[in-house]
Each structure stands twice: as structure tokens, then as C-alpha cells.
């Protein structure tokens, strides 16, 4: 159970679905209740698929490009910590990699569940590198089952958060969402730094 909660907490913090609420509400403005539920559901499904693919295929990507686990940890740690600083300072971009053209197309086609919501808004380089590094360290059947369960739990959490987005905005307000995002940002920074520290310790031990 400790491993399950570790993966769940790390992924939930890095994905930060609460911080995505303002963008979700803006992009789904005018949607009916049924459309909101459908969009929330497919966003969660797409995030689950992206994370599962990254988890199982990441090892082959590393081998293809000749990237070591320590290099991935440091790069991923920097990305995760940078995202955390953005959340903590309140300077994170509202669209997080979503340009105006993509946003307009999403509004016209009502196909925002995959892009920009699932990627790059939720599932990004930080969560992908986190899963790749975890698979490199824990790839026995038990650990894999736990990881899949944690990813599924995160996807379910995303669905519940997005489905309740309008209510959360109503009761928490923008200030409340920003406050929660900043708290989450602190833990995201800690996760990123811990990844870098682990990588450096491994490199140092390997040289002595």
C-alpha cells in the first residue's frame, strides 16, 4: 500500500488536476451537463492511456536514444521542479502550452478531451519521466500491478475533479484554487528535487 500511495501522490501532484480547473471551465463554457460529463470521462481515459503507454514503452525509448536512468531522473526532476515553482509562484501559464490556434480548433470541434486537456495540460513530460524512472527501478509483476492501479486511481480522480469543476469554482473561487495549487506546487518541487538528489547519489556511489 505504501508503494501505491507513493505513486498516486506523486502523479496526482505532478498532474495537478485542480490547477487545470480554470482552463477546463473556460474551454467547456456553454457545454451541457452531459457534454461536461462526457468530456471529463474521455479526458481521464486519455490521460490513463498516455500514462500507461509511457510506463511500458519508456524503457525502449531510453534504450533507443541511449539515455541513462540517472540522466532521465535529473531531466525529469528539473521539469517537475520547474512546474512546481510555477504553481508555487502563481506564474504558471493559464494555457500551459496551449496556443490560440489549438484552443480555437478545440472549441470548434468539441474535441478537447485529448488535446489540449489530456496532453499537454495534464499528462506532460514530468509525469511521463516519473513513470519511466519508476518502471526502471520496479518492474516485477507486483510493482507493475500496483503502478497500474495507481494510474487508474489518478485517472478516476481526474474524472471526479473535472466533473465537479463548476462546483469547485463556485465554492472555492479563483483564490481558493490558486491557494490549493500553490500548496501542491510545494510538494511538486520536493518531488523534483528528490529525483535529482537520488540521481546524483547514484552517480557519486558509482564513482567510488
N, C-alpha and C. Protein backbone atom coordinates (compact mmCIF):
# COMPACT_ATOMS: atom_id res chain seq x y z
N UNK A 1 0.82 -1.22 0.00
CA UNK A 1 0.00 0.00 0.00
C UNK A 1 0.85 1.27 0.00
N UNK A 2 2.01 1.20 0.66
CA UNK A 2 2.89 2.36 0.68
C UNK A 2 3.32 2.74 -0.73
N UNK A 3 3.66 1.72 -1.52
CA UNK A 3 4.08 1.97 -2.90
C UNK A 3 2.94 2.57 -3.71
N UNK A 4 1.73 2.08 -3.50
CA UNK A 4 0.56 2.59 -4.21
C UNK A 4 0.35 4.07 -3.90
N UNK A 5 0.37 4.43 -2.63
CA UNK A 5 0.13 5.82 -2.25
C UNK A 5 1.28 6.73 -2.70
N UNK A 6 2.50 6.17 -2.74
CA UNK A 6 3.63 6.97 -3.22
C UNK A 6 3.43 7.34 -4.69
N UNK A 7 3.09 6.36 -5.52
CA UNK A 7 2.89 6.62 -6.95
C UNK A 7 1.70 7.54 -7.15
N UNK A 8 0.61 7.23 -6.45
CA UNK A 8 -0.61 8.04 -6.59
C UNK A 8 -0.35 9.50 -6.22
N UNK A 9 0.28 9.72 -5.05
CA UNK A 9 0.54 11.08 -4.59
C UNK A 9 1.47 11.83 -5.53
N UNK A 10 2.50 11.14 -6.00
CA UNK A 10 3.46 11.78 -6.91
C UNK A 10 2.79 12.17 -8.22
N UNK A 11 2.03 11.25 -8.81
CA UNK A 11 1.36 11.52 -10.07
C UNK A 11 0.30 12.61 -9.92
N UNK A 12 -0.51 12.51 -8.86
CA UNK A 12 -1.58 13.49 -8.66
C UNK A 12 -0.99 14.89 -8.49
N UNK A 13 0.12 14.98 -7.75
CA UNK A 13 0.76 16.28 -7.53
C UNK A 13 1.31 16.86 -8.82
N UNK A 14 1.96 16.01 -9.62
CA UNK A 14 2.57 16.49 -10.87
C UNK A 14 1.50 16.83 -11.90
N UNK A 15 0.48 15.99 -12.03
CA UNK A 15 -0.60 16.25 -12.99
C UNK A 15 -1.44 17.46 -12.56
N UNK A 16 -1.67 17.59 -11.24
CA UNK A 16 -2.38 18.72 -10.66
C UNK A 16 -3.71 19.03 -11.38
N UNK A 17 -4.68 18.12 -11.33
CA UNK A 17 -5.97 18.38 -11.98
C UNK A 17 -6.71 19.57 -11.42
N UNK A 18 -6.47 19.90 -10.14
CA UNK A 18 -7.13 21.06 -9.54
C UNK A 18 -6.68 22.34 -10.22
N UNK A 19 -5.38 22.40 -10.55
CA UNK A 19 -4.87 23.57 -11.24
C UNK A 19 -5.38 23.70 -12.66
N UNK A 20 -5.89 22.59 -13.21
CA UNK A 20 -6.41 22.59 -14.59
C UNK A 20 -7.87 23.03 -14.65
N UNK A 21 -8.50 23.19 -13.49
CA UNK A 21 -9.93 23.52 -13.46
C UNK A 21 -10.27 24.81 -14.22
N UNK A 22 -9.53 25.93 -14.00
CA UNK A 22 -9.88 27.16 -14.73
C UNK A 22 -9.85 26.99 -16.25
N UNK A 23 -8.84 26.25 -16.75
CA UNK A 23 -8.74 26.02 -18.19
C UNK A 23 -9.91 25.16 -18.66
N UNK A 24 -10.21 24.11 -17.90
CA UNK A 24 -11.32 23.21 -18.26
C UNK A 24 -12.63 23.98 -18.32
N UNK A 25 -12.88 24.80 -17.32
CA UNK A 25 -14.12 25.57 -17.27
C UNK A 25 -14.19 26.53 -18.46
N UNK A 26 -13.06 27.16 -18.79
CA UNK A 26 -13.04 28.09 -19.91
C UNK A 26 -13.29 27.42 -21.25
N UNK A 27 -12.68 26.25 -21.45
CA UNK A 27 -12.82 25.55 -22.72
C UNK A 27 -14.19 24.88 -22.88
N UNK A 28 -14.83 24.58 -21.78
CA UNK A 28 -16.14 23.91 -21.85
C UNK A 28 -17.29 24.87 -21.60
N UNK A 29 -17.03 26.13 -21.71
CA UNK A 29 -18.07 27.14 -21.50
C UNK A 29 -19.22 26.93 -22.49
N UNK A 30 -20.44 26.81 -21.98
CA UNK A 30 -21.59 26.59 -22.85
C UNK A 30 -21.94 25.14 -23.06
N UNK A 31 -21.15 24.23 -22.52
CA UNK A 31 -21.43 22.80 -22.65
C UNK A 31 -22.62 22.42 -21.77
N UNK A 32 -23.40 21.45 -22.22
CA UNK A 32 -24.48 20.91 -21.39
C UNK A 32 -23.86 19.99 -20.34
N UNK A 33 -24.67 19.59 -19.36
CA UNK A 33 -24.18 18.70 -18.30
C UNK A 33 -23.67 17.38 -18.89
N UNK A 34 -24.40 16.87 -19.88
CA UNK A 34 -24.00 15.60 -20.50
C UNK A 34 -22.67 15.75 -21.22
N UNK A 35 -22.48 16.88 -21.88
CA UNK A 35 -21.23 17.12 -22.60
C UNK A 35 -20.07 17.28 -21.63
N UNK A 36 -20.31 17.92 -20.50
CA UNK A 36 -19.27 18.09 -19.48
C UNK A 36 -18.84 16.74 -18.91
N UNK A 37 -19.83 15.89 -18.62
CA UNK A 37 -19.52 14.56 -18.09
C UNK A 37 -18.75 13.75 -19.12
N UNK A 38 -19.17 13.80 -20.37
CA UNK A 38 -18.50 13.06 -21.45
C UNK A 38 -17.06 13.55 -21.63
N UNK A 39 -16.87 14.87 -21.63
CA UNK A 39 -15.53 15.43 -21.80
C UNK A 39 -14.63 15.07 -20.63
N UNK A 40 -15.18 15.11 -19.42
CA UNK A 40 -14.41 14.72 -18.22
C UNK A 40 -13.99 13.26 -18.30
N UNK A 41 -14.93 12.42 -18.72
CA UNK A 41 -14.66 10.99 -18.82
C UNK A 41 -13.56 10.69 -19.83
N UNK A 42 -13.67 11.26 -21.02
CA UNK A 42 -12.69 10.95 -22.07
C UNK A 42 -11.34 11.60 -21.80
N UNK A 43 -11.33 12.71 -21.08
CA UNK A 43 -10.06 13.30 -20.67
C UNK A 43 -9.33 12.35 -19.74
N UNK A 44 -10.05 11.79 -18.77
CA UNK A 44 -9.46 10.84 -17.82
C UNK A 44 -8.99 9.58 -18.53
N UNK A 45 -9.79 9.08 -19.48
CA UNK A 45 -9.40 7.89 -20.24
C UNK A 45 -8.14 8.16 -21.05
N UNK A 46 -8.06 9.31 -21.70
CA UNK A 46 -6.88 9.65 -22.50
C UNK A 46 -5.64 9.79 -21.64
N UNK A 47 -5.78 10.39 -20.45
CA UNK A 47 -4.65 10.51 -19.54
C UNK A 47 -4.17 9.13 -19.13
N UNK A 48 -5.12 8.25 -18.82
CA UNK A 48 -4.77 6.87 -18.43
C UNK A 48 -3.98 6.17 -19.54
N UNK A 49 -4.45 6.28 -20.77
CA UNK A 49 -3.78 5.63 -21.90
C UNK A 49 -2.38 6.20 -22.10
N UNK A 50 -2.26 7.52 -22.04
CA UNK A 50 -0.95 8.18 -22.24
C UNK A 50 0.04 7.72 -21.18
N UNK A 51 -0.40 7.67 -19.92
CA UNK A 51 0.49 7.29 -18.83
C UNK A 51 0.86 5.80 -18.90
N UNK A 52 -0.09 4.95 -19.28
CA UNK A 52 0.20 3.52 -19.41
C UNK A 52 1.21 3.28 -20.53
N UNK A 53 1.02 3.94 -21.66
CA UNK A 53 1.96 3.80 -22.78
C UNK A 53 3.34 4.27 -22.37
N UNK A 54 3.40 5.41 -21.68
CA UNK A 54 4.70 5.95 -21.22
C UNK A 54 5.35 4.99 -20.24
N UNK A 55 4.55 4.39 -19.38
CA UNK A 55 5.07 3.48 -18.35
C UNK A 55 5.72 2.25 -18.97
N UNK A 56 5.06 1.66 -19.96
CA UNK A 56 5.56 0.42 -20.53
C UNK A 56 6.53 0.62 -21.71
N UNK A 57 6.38 1.71 -22.44
CA UNK A 57 7.23 1.92 -23.63
C UNK A 57 8.43 2.80 -23.34
N UNK A 58 8.45 3.46 -22.18
CA UNK A 58 9.53 4.39 -21.88
C UNK A 58 10.90 3.74 -21.87
N UNK A 59 10.97 2.48 -21.40
CA UNK A 59 12.25 1.77 -21.34
C UNK A 59 12.88 1.64 -22.72
N UNK A 60 12.06 1.35 -23.72
CA UNK A 60 12.57 1.17 -25.08
C UNK A 60 13.01 2.49 -25.69
N UNK A 61 12.32 3.57 -25.30
CA UNK A 61 12.72 4.90 -25.77
C UNK A 61 14.10 5.24 -25.21
N UNK A 62 14.32 4.93 -23.93
CA UNK A 62 15.62 5.20 -23.31
C UNK A 62 16.72 4.42 -24.01
N UNK A 63 16.46 3.15 -24.29
CA UNK A 63 17.46 2.32 -24.96
C UNK A 63 17.76 2.84 -26.35
N UNK A 64 16.72 3.25 -27.06
CA UNK A 64 16.90 3.73 -28.44
C UNK A 64 17.79 4.96 -28.50
N UNK A 65 17.59 5.88 -27.57
CA UNK A 65 18.36 7.12 -27.55
C UNK A 65 19.61 7.03 -26.68
N UNK A 66 19.80 5.89 -26.02
CA UNK A 66 20.98 5.72 -25.19
C UNK A 66 21.01 6.62 -23.97
N UNK A 67 19.84 6.82 -23.36
CA UNK A 67 19.72 7.70 -22.20
C UNK A 67 19.76 6.87 -20.92
N UNK A 68 20.61 7.25 -19.98
CA UNK A 68 20.70 6.52 -18.72
C UNK A 68 19.56 6.91 -17.79
N UNK A 69 19.29 6.06 -16.80
CA UNK A 69 18.24 6.34 -15.84
C UNK A 69 18.55 7.59 -15.03
N UNK A 70 19.85 7.77 -14.68
CA UNK A 70 20.23 8.95 -13.89
C UNK A 70 19.99 10.24 -14.67
N UNK A 71 20.30 10.21 -15.98
CA UNK A 71 20.06 11.39 -16.81
C UNK A 71 18.57 11.70 -16.89
N UNK A 72 17.76 10.66 -17.01
CA UNK A 72 16.31 10.84 -17.05
C UNK A 72 15.81 11.42 -15.74
N UNK A 73 16.34 10.91 -14.63
CA UNK A 73 15.91 11.41 -13.33
C UNK A 73 16.23 12.90 -13.17
N UNK A 74 17.43 13.29 -13.58
CA UNK A 74 17.83 14.69 -13.43
C UNK A 74 16.98 15.58 -14.32
N UNK A 75 16.80 15.16 -15.59
CA UNK A 75 15.98 15.95 -16.52
C UNK A 75 14.53 16.01 -16.03
N UNK A 76 14.00 14.86 -15.63
CA UNK A 76 12.63 14.84 -15.12
C UNK A 76 12.48 15.65 -13.85
N UNK A 77 13.48 15.57 -12.97
CA UNK A 77 13.45 16.34 -11.74
C UNK A 77 13.43 17.84 -12.00
N UNK A 78 14.21 18.27 -12.97
CA UNK A 78 14.24 19.69 -13.33
C UNK A 78 12.89 20.15 -13.87
N UNK A 79 12.30 19.32 -14.73
CA UNK A 79 10.99 19.66 -15.30
C UNK A 79 9.92 19.72 -14.22
N UNK A 80 9.93 18.70 -13.35
CA UNK A 80 8.94 18.64 -12.27
C UNK A 80 9.10 19.82 -11.32
N UNK A 81 10.36 20.10 -10.92
CA UNK A 81 10.61 21.21 -10.00
C UNK A 81 10.22 22.55 -10.64
N UNK A 82 10.49 22.70 -11.93
CA UNK A 82 10.12 23.94 -12.63
C UNK A 82 8.61 24.13 -12.63
N UNK A 83 7.88 23.02 -12.86
CA UNK A 83 6.42 23.10 -12.82
C UNK A 83 5.95 23.49 -11.42
N UNK A 84 6.61 22.92 -10.41
CA UNK A 84 6.26 23.25 -9.03
C UNK A 84 6.49 24.71 -8.70
N UNK A 85 7.62 25.26 -9.18
CA UNK A 85 7.90 26.69 -8.95
C UNK A 85 6.83 27.56 -9.60
N UNK A 86 6.37 27.13 -10.81
CA UNK A 86 5.32 27.88 -11.48
C UNK A 86 4.04 27.88 -10.68
N UNK A 87 3.68 26.73 -10.10
CA UNK A 87 2.47 26.64 -9.28
C UNK A 87 2.62 27.44 -7.99
N UNK A 88 3.80 27.34 -7.38
CA UNK A 88 4.03 28.00 -6.09
C UNK A 88 4.02 29.52 -6.22
N UNK A 89 4.59 30.01 -7.32
CA UNK A 89 4.68 31.46 -7.52
C UNK A 89 3.41 32.04 -8.13
N UNK A 90 2.55 31.16 -8.63
CA UNK A 90 1.32 31.63 -9.25
C UNK A 90 1.54 32.16 -10.64
N UNK A 91 2.73 31.85 -11.22
CA UNK A 91 3.05 32.35 -12.55
C UNK A 91 2.88 31.31 -13.63
N UNK A 92 2.26 30.17 -13.27
CA UNK A 92 2.04 29.14 -14.26
C UNK A 92 1.10 29.67 -15.33
N UNK A 93 1.39 29.36 -16.58
CA UNK A 93 0.58 29.85 -17.69
C UNK A 93 -0.82 29.25 -17.63
N UNK A 94 -1.80 30.06 -17.89
CA UNK A 94 -3.18 29.58 -17.83
C UNK A 94 -3.43 28.50 -18.87
N UNK A 95 -2.75 28.58 -20.00
CA UNK A 95 -2.99 27.62 -21.07
C UNK A 95 -1.95 26.53 -21.13
N UNK A 96 -0.85 26.69 -20.41
CA UNK A 96 0.15 25.64 -20.27
C UNK A 96 0.46 24.93 -21.57
N UNK A 97 1.00 25.66 -22.52
CA UNK A 97 1.39 25.06 -23.79
C UNK A 97 0.29 25.04 -24.83
N UNK A 98 -0.85 25.67 -24.53
CA UNK A 98 -1.96 25.67 -25.47
C UNK A 98 -1.95 26.99 -26.24
N UNK A 99 -1.66 26.94 -27.54
CA UNK A 99 -1.66 28.18 -28.29
C UNK A 99 -3.07 28.52 -28.75
N UNK A 100 -3.25 29.72 -29.25
CA UNK A 100 -4.57 30.21 -29.61
C UNK A 100 -5.21 29.38 -30.71
N UNK A 101 -4.42 28.95 -31.69
CA UNK A 101 -4.95 28.16 -32.80
C UNK A 101 -5.52 26.85 -32.31
N UNK A 102 -4.76 26.16 -31.44
CA UNK A 102 -5.23 24.88 -30.91
C UNK A 102 -6.49 25.08 -30.10
N UNK A 103 -6.53 26.14 -29.31
CA UNK A 103 -7.71 26.40 -28.48
C UNK A 103 -8.94 26.64 -29.35
N UNK A 104 -8.77 27.44 -30.41
CA UNK A 104 -9.90 27.73 -31.30
C UNK A 104 -10.40 26.47 -31.98
N UNK A 105 -9.47 25.62 -32.44
CA UNK A 105 -9.86 24.38 -33.10
C UNK A 105 -10.60 23.46 -32.13
N UNK A 106 -10.12 23.42 -30.89
CA UNK A 106 -10.77 22.58 -29.89
C UNK A 106 -12.19 23.05 -29.62
N UNK A 107 -12.37 24.37 -29.57
CA UNK A 107 -13.70 24.91 -29.32
C UNK A 107 -14.64 24.59 -30.47
N UNK A 108 -14.13 24.66 -31.70
CA UNK A 108 -14.96 24.41 -32.87
C UNK A 108 -15.33 22.94 -32.99
N UNK A 109 -14.41 22.06 -32.72
CA UNK A 109 -14.62 20.62 -32.92
C UNK A 109 -15.15 19.92 -31.68
N UNK A 110 -15.16 20.59 -30.55
CA UNK A 110 -15.59 19.97 -29.29
C UNK A 110 -14.80 18.68 -29.04
N UNK A 111 -13.52 18.72 -29.39
CA UNK A 111 -12.67 17.53 -29.21
C UNK A 111 -11.49 17.87 -28.32
N UNK A 112 -11.78 18.42 -27.16
CA UNK A 112 -10.70 18.89 -26.29
C UNK A 112 -10.23 17.83 -25.31
N UNK A 113 -10.88 16.68 -25.28
CA UNK A 113 -10.54 15.67 -24.27
C UNK A 113 -9.12 15.15 -24.43
N UNK A 114 -8.65 15.01 -25.68
CA UNK A 114 -7.29 14.54 -25.91
C UNK A 114 -6.30 15.69 -25.87
N UNK A 115 -6.52 16.65 -26.72
CA UNK A 115 -5.67 17.84 -26.73
C UNK A 115 -6.57 19.07 -26.81
N UNK A 116 -6.40 20.04 -25.96
CA UNK A 116 -5.24 20.24 -25.07
C UNK A 116 -5.39 19.70 -23.65
N UNK A 117 -6.53 19.10 -23.28
CA UNK A 117 -6.72 18.75 -21.87
C UNK A 117 -5.82 17.61 -21.40
N UNK A 118 -5.95 16.43 -22.04
CA UNK A 118 -5.15 15.28 -21.59
C UNK A 118 -3.66 15.56 -21.78
N UNK A 119 -3.31 16.11 -22.94
CA UNK A 119 -1.93 16.47 -23.23
C UNK A 119 -1.96 17.74 -24.07
N UNK A 120 -1.25 18.81 -23.67
CA UNK A 120 -0.20 18.82 -22.63
C UNK A 120 -0.65 19.32 -21.26
N UNK A 121 -1.94 19.65 -21.09
CA UNK A 121 -2.36 20.28 -19.85
C UNK A 121 -2.15 19.38 -18.63
N UNK A 122 -2.53 18.10 -18.73
CA UNK A 122 -2.41 17.18 -17.59
C UNK A 122 -1.19 16.28 -17.72
N UNK A 123 -1.20 15.37 -18.66
CA UNK A 123 -0.07 14.44 -18.84
C UNK A 123 1.03 15.13 -19.64
N UNK A 124 2.12 15.44 -18.96
CA UNK A 124 3.24 16.13 -19.60
C UNK A 124 4.55 15.43 -19.35
N UNK A 125 5.66 16.07 -19.68
CA UNK A 125 6.99 15.46 -19.52
C UNK A 125 7.30 15.03 -18.09
N UNK A 126 6.80 15.81 -17.10
CA UNK A 126 7.10 15.47 -15.71
C UNK A 126 6.52 14.14 -15.29
N UNK A 127 5.23 13.93 -15.56
CA UNK A 127 4.59 12.67 -15.18
C UNK A 127 5.12 11.49 -15.99
N UNK A 128 5.43 11.74 -17.26
CA UNK A 128 5.95 10.67 -18.12
C UNK A 128 7.33 10.22 -17.65
N UNK A 129 8.21 11.17 -17.35
CA UNK A 129 9.55 10.82 -16.89
C UNK A 129 9.49 10.15 -15.52
N UNK A 130 8.55 10.56 -14.69
CA UNK A 130 8.38 9.95 -13.38
C UNK A 130 8.04 8.46 -13.51
N UNK A 131 7.12 8.15 -14.43
CA UNK A 131 6.71 6.75 -14.63
C UNK A 131 7.82 5.91 -15.26
N UNK A 132 8.55 6.49 -16.19
CA UNK A 132 9.65 5.77 -16.82
C UNK A 132 10.70 5.40 -15.78
N UNK A 133 11.04 6.37 -14.93
CA UNK A 133 12.04 6.12 -13.89
C UNK A 133 11.54 5.06 -12.91
N UNK A 134 10.27 5.10 -12.57
CA UNK A 134 9.73 4.13 -11.63
C UNK A 134 9.79 2.71 -12.22
N UNK A 135 9.46 2.59 -13.51
CA UNK A 135 9.48 1.27 -14.14
C UNK A 135 10.90 0.70 -14.18
N UNK A 136 11.88 1.58 -14.37
CA UNK A 136 13.26 1.14 -14.40
C UNK A 136 13.69 0.55 -13.05
N UNK A 137 13.13 1.07 -11.97
CA UNK A 137 13.51 0.62 -10.63
C UNK A 137 12.66 -0.55 -10.14
N UNK A 138 11.38 -0.56 -10.53
CA UNK A 138 10.45 -1.58 -10.05
C UNK A 138 9.70 -2.18 -11.24
N UNK A 139 10.17 -3.32 -11.72
CA UNK A 139 9.50 -3.92 -12.87
C UNK A 139 9.11 -5.38 -12.62
N UNK A 140 8.94 -5.74 -11.35
CA UNK A 140 8.39 -7.07 -11.07
C UNK A 140 6.86 -7.00 -11.19
N UNK A 141 6.22 -8.16 -11.24
CA UNK A 141 4.79 -8.23 -11.50
C UNK A 141 3.97 -7.49 -10.45
N UNK A 142 4.37 -7.60 -9.19
CA UNK A 142 3.63 -6.93 -8.11
C UNK A 142 3.70 -5.41 -8.26
N UNK A 143 4.90 -4.90 -8.50
CA UNK A 143 5.08 -3.45 -8.65
C UNK A 143 4.33 -2.92 -9.87
N UNK A 144 4.35 -3.69 -10.96
CA UNK A 144 3.64 -3.28 -12.17
C UNK A 144 2.13 -3.21 -11.90
N UNK A 145 1.60 -4.20 -11.19
CA UNK A 145 0.17 -4.21 -10.86
C UNK A 145 -0.20 -3.02 -9.99
N UNK A 146 0.67 -2.72 -9.02
CA UNK A 146 0.42 -1.57 -8.14
C UNK A 146 0.46 -0.27 -8.93
N UNK A 147 1.42 -0.15 -9.84
CA UNK A 147 1.55 1.06 -10.64
C UNK A 147 0.32 1.27 -11.53
N UNK A 148 -0.15 0.19 -12.16
CA UNK A 148 -1.34 0.29 -13.00
C UNK A 148 -2.55 0.72 -12.16
N UNK A 149 -2.66 0.15 -10.96
CA UNK A 149 -3.75 0.52 -10.06
C UNK A 149 -3.68 1.99 -9.67
N UNK A 150 -2.46 2.48 -9.39
CA UNK A 150 -2.29 3.88 -9.01
C UNK A 150 -2.62 4.81 -10.17
N UNK A 151 -2.20 4.43 -11.38
CA UNK A 151 -2.51 5.24 -12.58
C UNK A 151 -4.02 5.29 -12.80
N UNK A 152 -4.68 4.15 -12.62
CA UNK A 152 -6.13 4.09 -12.76
C UNK A 152 -6.81 4.97 -11.71
N UNK A 153 -6.30 4.95 -10.48
CA UNK A 153 -6.86 5.78 -9.41
C UNK A 153 -6.69 7.26 -9.71
N UNK A 154 -5.54 7.62 -10.28
CA UNK A 154 -5.30 9.02 -10.65
C UNK A 154 -6.26 9.44 -11.75
N UNK A 155 -6.46 8.56 -12.75
CA UNK A 155 -7.39 8.87 -13.83
C UNK A 155 -8.81 9.06 -13.30
N UNK A 156 -9.21 8.21 -12.36
CA UNK A 156 -10.53 8.34 -11.73
C UNK A 156 -10.63 9.66 -10.98
N UNK A 157 -9.56 10.04 -10.29
CA UNK A 157 -9.55 11.31 -9.56
C UNK A 157 -9.70 12.48 -10.51
N UNK A 158 -9.02 12.40 -11.64
CA UNK A 158 -9.12 13.46 -12.66
C UNK A 158 -10.56 13.59 -13.15
N UNK A 159 -11.19 12.45 -13.40
CA UNK A 159 -12.58 12.46 -13.85
C UNK A 159 -13.49 13.13 -12.82
N UNK A 160 -13.31 12.78 -11.55
CA UNK A 160 -14.16 13.34 -10.50
C UNK A 160 -13.91 14.83 -10.32
N UNK A 161 -12.63 15.24 -10.40
CA UNK A 161 -12.30 16.66 -10.23
C UNK A 161 -12.88 17.48 -11.39
N UNK A 162 -12.67 17.03 -12.62
CA UNK A 162 -13.16 17.78 -13.78
C UNK A 162 -14.69 17.79 -13.83
N UNK A 163 -15.29 16.67 -13.48
CA UNK A 163 -16.75 16.61 -13.49
C UNK A 163 -17.34 17.59 -12.48
N UNK A 164 -16.60 17.83 -11.38
CA UNK A 164 -17.07 18.75 -10.33
C UNK A 164 -16.48 20.14 -10.49
N UNK A 165 -15.86 20.42 -11.63
CA UNK A 165 -15.12 21.68 -11.82
C UNK A 165 -15.97 22.91 -11.57
N UNK A 166 -17.16 22.93 -12.13
CA UNK A 166 -18.01 24.12 -11.96
C UNK A 166 -18.41 24.34 -10.51
N UNK A 167 -18.65 23.25 -9.79
CA UNK A 167 -18.99 23.37 -8.36
C UNK A 167 -17.79 23.84 -7.56
N UNK A 168 -16.60 23.32 -7.90
CA UNK A 168 -15.39 23.72 -7.18
C UNK A 168 -15.07 25.20 -7.40
N UNK A 169 -15.27 25.66 -8.64
CA UNK A 169 -15.04 27.07 -8.94
C UNK A 169 -16.03 27.93 -8.15
N UNK A 170 -17.27 27.45 -8.08
CA UNK A 170 -18.32 28.20 -7.38
C UNK A 170 -18.03 28.33 -5.89
N UNK A 171 -17.60 27.23 -5.26
CA UNK A 171 -17.43 27.23 -3.81
C UNK A 171 -16.02 27.65 -3.35
N UNK A 172 -15.01 27.27 -4.13
CA UNK A 172 -13.64 27.64 -3.75
C UNK A 172 -13.27 29.02 -4.26
N UNK A 173 -13.79 29.35 -5.43
CA UNK A 173 -13.42 30.61 -6.05
C UNK A 173 -12.02 30.53 -6.65
N UNK A 174 -11.65 31.51 -7.42
CA UNK A 174 -10.33 31.51 -8.05
C UNK A 174 -9.22 31.54 -7.01
N UNK A 175 -9.44 32.32 -5.93
CA UNK A 175 -8.42 32.42 -4.88
C UNK A 175 -8.19 31.08 -4.20
N UNK A 176 -9.26 30.33 -3.97
CA UNK A 176 -9.14 29.02 -3.33
C UNK A 176 -8.38 28.04 -4.20
N UNK A 177 -8.66 28.05 -5.50
CA UNK A 177 -7.98 27.16 -6.43
C UNK A 177 -6.50 27.50 -6.51
N UNK A 178 -6.19 28.80 -6.54
CA UNK A 178 -4.80 29.24 -6.58
C UNK A 178 -4.07 28.80 -5.31
N UNK A 179 -4.75 28.93 -4.16
CA UNK A 179 -4.13 28.54 -2.88
C UNK A 179 -3.81 27.05 -2.87
N UNK A 180 -4.75 26.23 -3.33
CA UNK A 180 -4.52 24.79 -3.37
C UNK A 180 -3.39 24.46 -4.34
N UNK A 181 -3.36 25.13 -5.49
CA UNK A 181 -2.31 24.89 -6.48
C UNK A 181 -0.94 25.22 -5.92
N UNK A 182 -0.86 26.26 -5.10
CA UNK A 182 0.43 26.64 -4.51
C UNK A 182 0.89 25.62 -3.48
N UNK A 183 -0.06 25.08 -2.73
CA UNK A 183 0.30 24.02 -1.77
C UNK A 183 0.80 22.80 -2.51
N UNK A 184 0.08 22.43 -3.57
CA UNK A 184 0.50 21.30 -4.40
C UNK A 184 1.87 21.58 -5.03
N UNK A 185 2.08 22.83 -5.43
CA UNK A 185 3.35 23.22 -6.05
C UNK A 185 4.53 22.97 -5.14
N UNK A 186 4.35 23.20 -3.84
CA UNK A 186 5.43 22.95 -2.87
C UNK A 186 5.85 21.47 -2.90
N UNK A 187 4.86 20.58 -2.91
CA UNK A 187 5.16 19.15 -2.92
C UNK A 187 5.74 18.71 -4.27
N UNK A 188 5.31 19.36 -5.34
CA UNK A 188 5.85 19.05 -6.67
C UNK A 188 7.34 19.41 -6.72
N UNK A 189 7.70 20.55 -6.14
CA UNK A 189 9.11 20.95 -6.09
C UNK A 189 9.91 19.91 -5.31
N UNK A 190 9.37 19.46 -4.18
CA UNK A 190 10.06 18.47 -3.35
C UNK A 190 10.27 17.16 -4.12
N UNK A 191 9.26 16.75 -4.88
CA UNK A 191 9.38 15.52 -5.68
C UNK A 191 10.50 15.68 -6.73
N UNK A 192 10.52 16.82 -7.40
CA UNK A 192 11.54 17.07 -8.42
C UNK A 192 12.94 17.08 -7.84
N UNK A 193 13.11 17.74 -6.71
CA UNK A 193 14.42 17.81 -6.06
C UNK A 193 14.86 16.43 -5.59
N UNK A 194 13.92 15.64 -5.06
CA UNK A 194 14.25 14.30 -4.60
C UNK A 194 14.74 13.43 -5.75
N UNK A 195 14.15 13.59 -6.92
CA UNK A 195 14.60 12.85 -8.11
C UNK A 195 16.04 13.21 -8.47
N UNK A 196 16.35 14.48 -8.40
CA UNK A 196 17.70 14.94 -8.73
C UNK A 196 18.70 14.42 -7.70
N UNK A 197 18.32 14.51 -6.42
CA UNK A 197 19.20 14.04 -5.34
C UNK A 197 19.48 12.55 -5.49
N UNK A 198 18.45 11.75 -5.76
CA UNK A 198 18.64 10.31 -5.94
C UNK A 198 19.59 10.00 -7.08
N UNK A 199 19.43 10.74 -8.18
CA UNK A 199 20.29 10.52 -9.34
C UNK A 199 21.74 10.87 -9.02
N UNK A 200 21.96 11.99 -8.34
CA UNK A 200 23.32 12.41 -8.00
C UNK A 200 23.97 11.44 -7.02
N UNK A 201 23.20 10.93 -6.05
CA UNK A 201 23.74 9.97 -5.09
C UNK A 201 24.15 8.69 -5.80
N UNK A 202 23.36 8.24 -6.76
CA UNK A 202 23.68 7.03 -7.52
C UNK A 202 24.96 7.23 -8.33
N UNK A 203 25.09 8.40 -8.94
CA UNK A 203 26.30 8.70 -9.73
C UNK A 203 27.53 8.74 -8.84
N UNK A 204 27.40 9.40 -7.67
CA UNK A 204 28.53 9.52 -6.74
C UNK A 204 28.96 8.14 -6.22
N UNK A 205 27.98 7.32 -5.83
CA UNK A 205 28.29 5.97 -5.33
C UNK A 205 28.93 5.13 -6.41
N UNK A 206 28.53 5.33 -7.65
CA UNK A 206 29.08 4.55 -8.76
C UNK A 206 30.51 4.91 -9.08
N UNK A 207 30.94 6.10 -8.64
CA UNK A 207 32.31 6.55 -8.92
C UNK A 207 33.28 6.22 -7.80
N UNK A 208 32.77 5.62 -6.72
CA UNK A 208 33.64 5.30 -5.58
C UNK A 208 33.57 3.82 -5.24
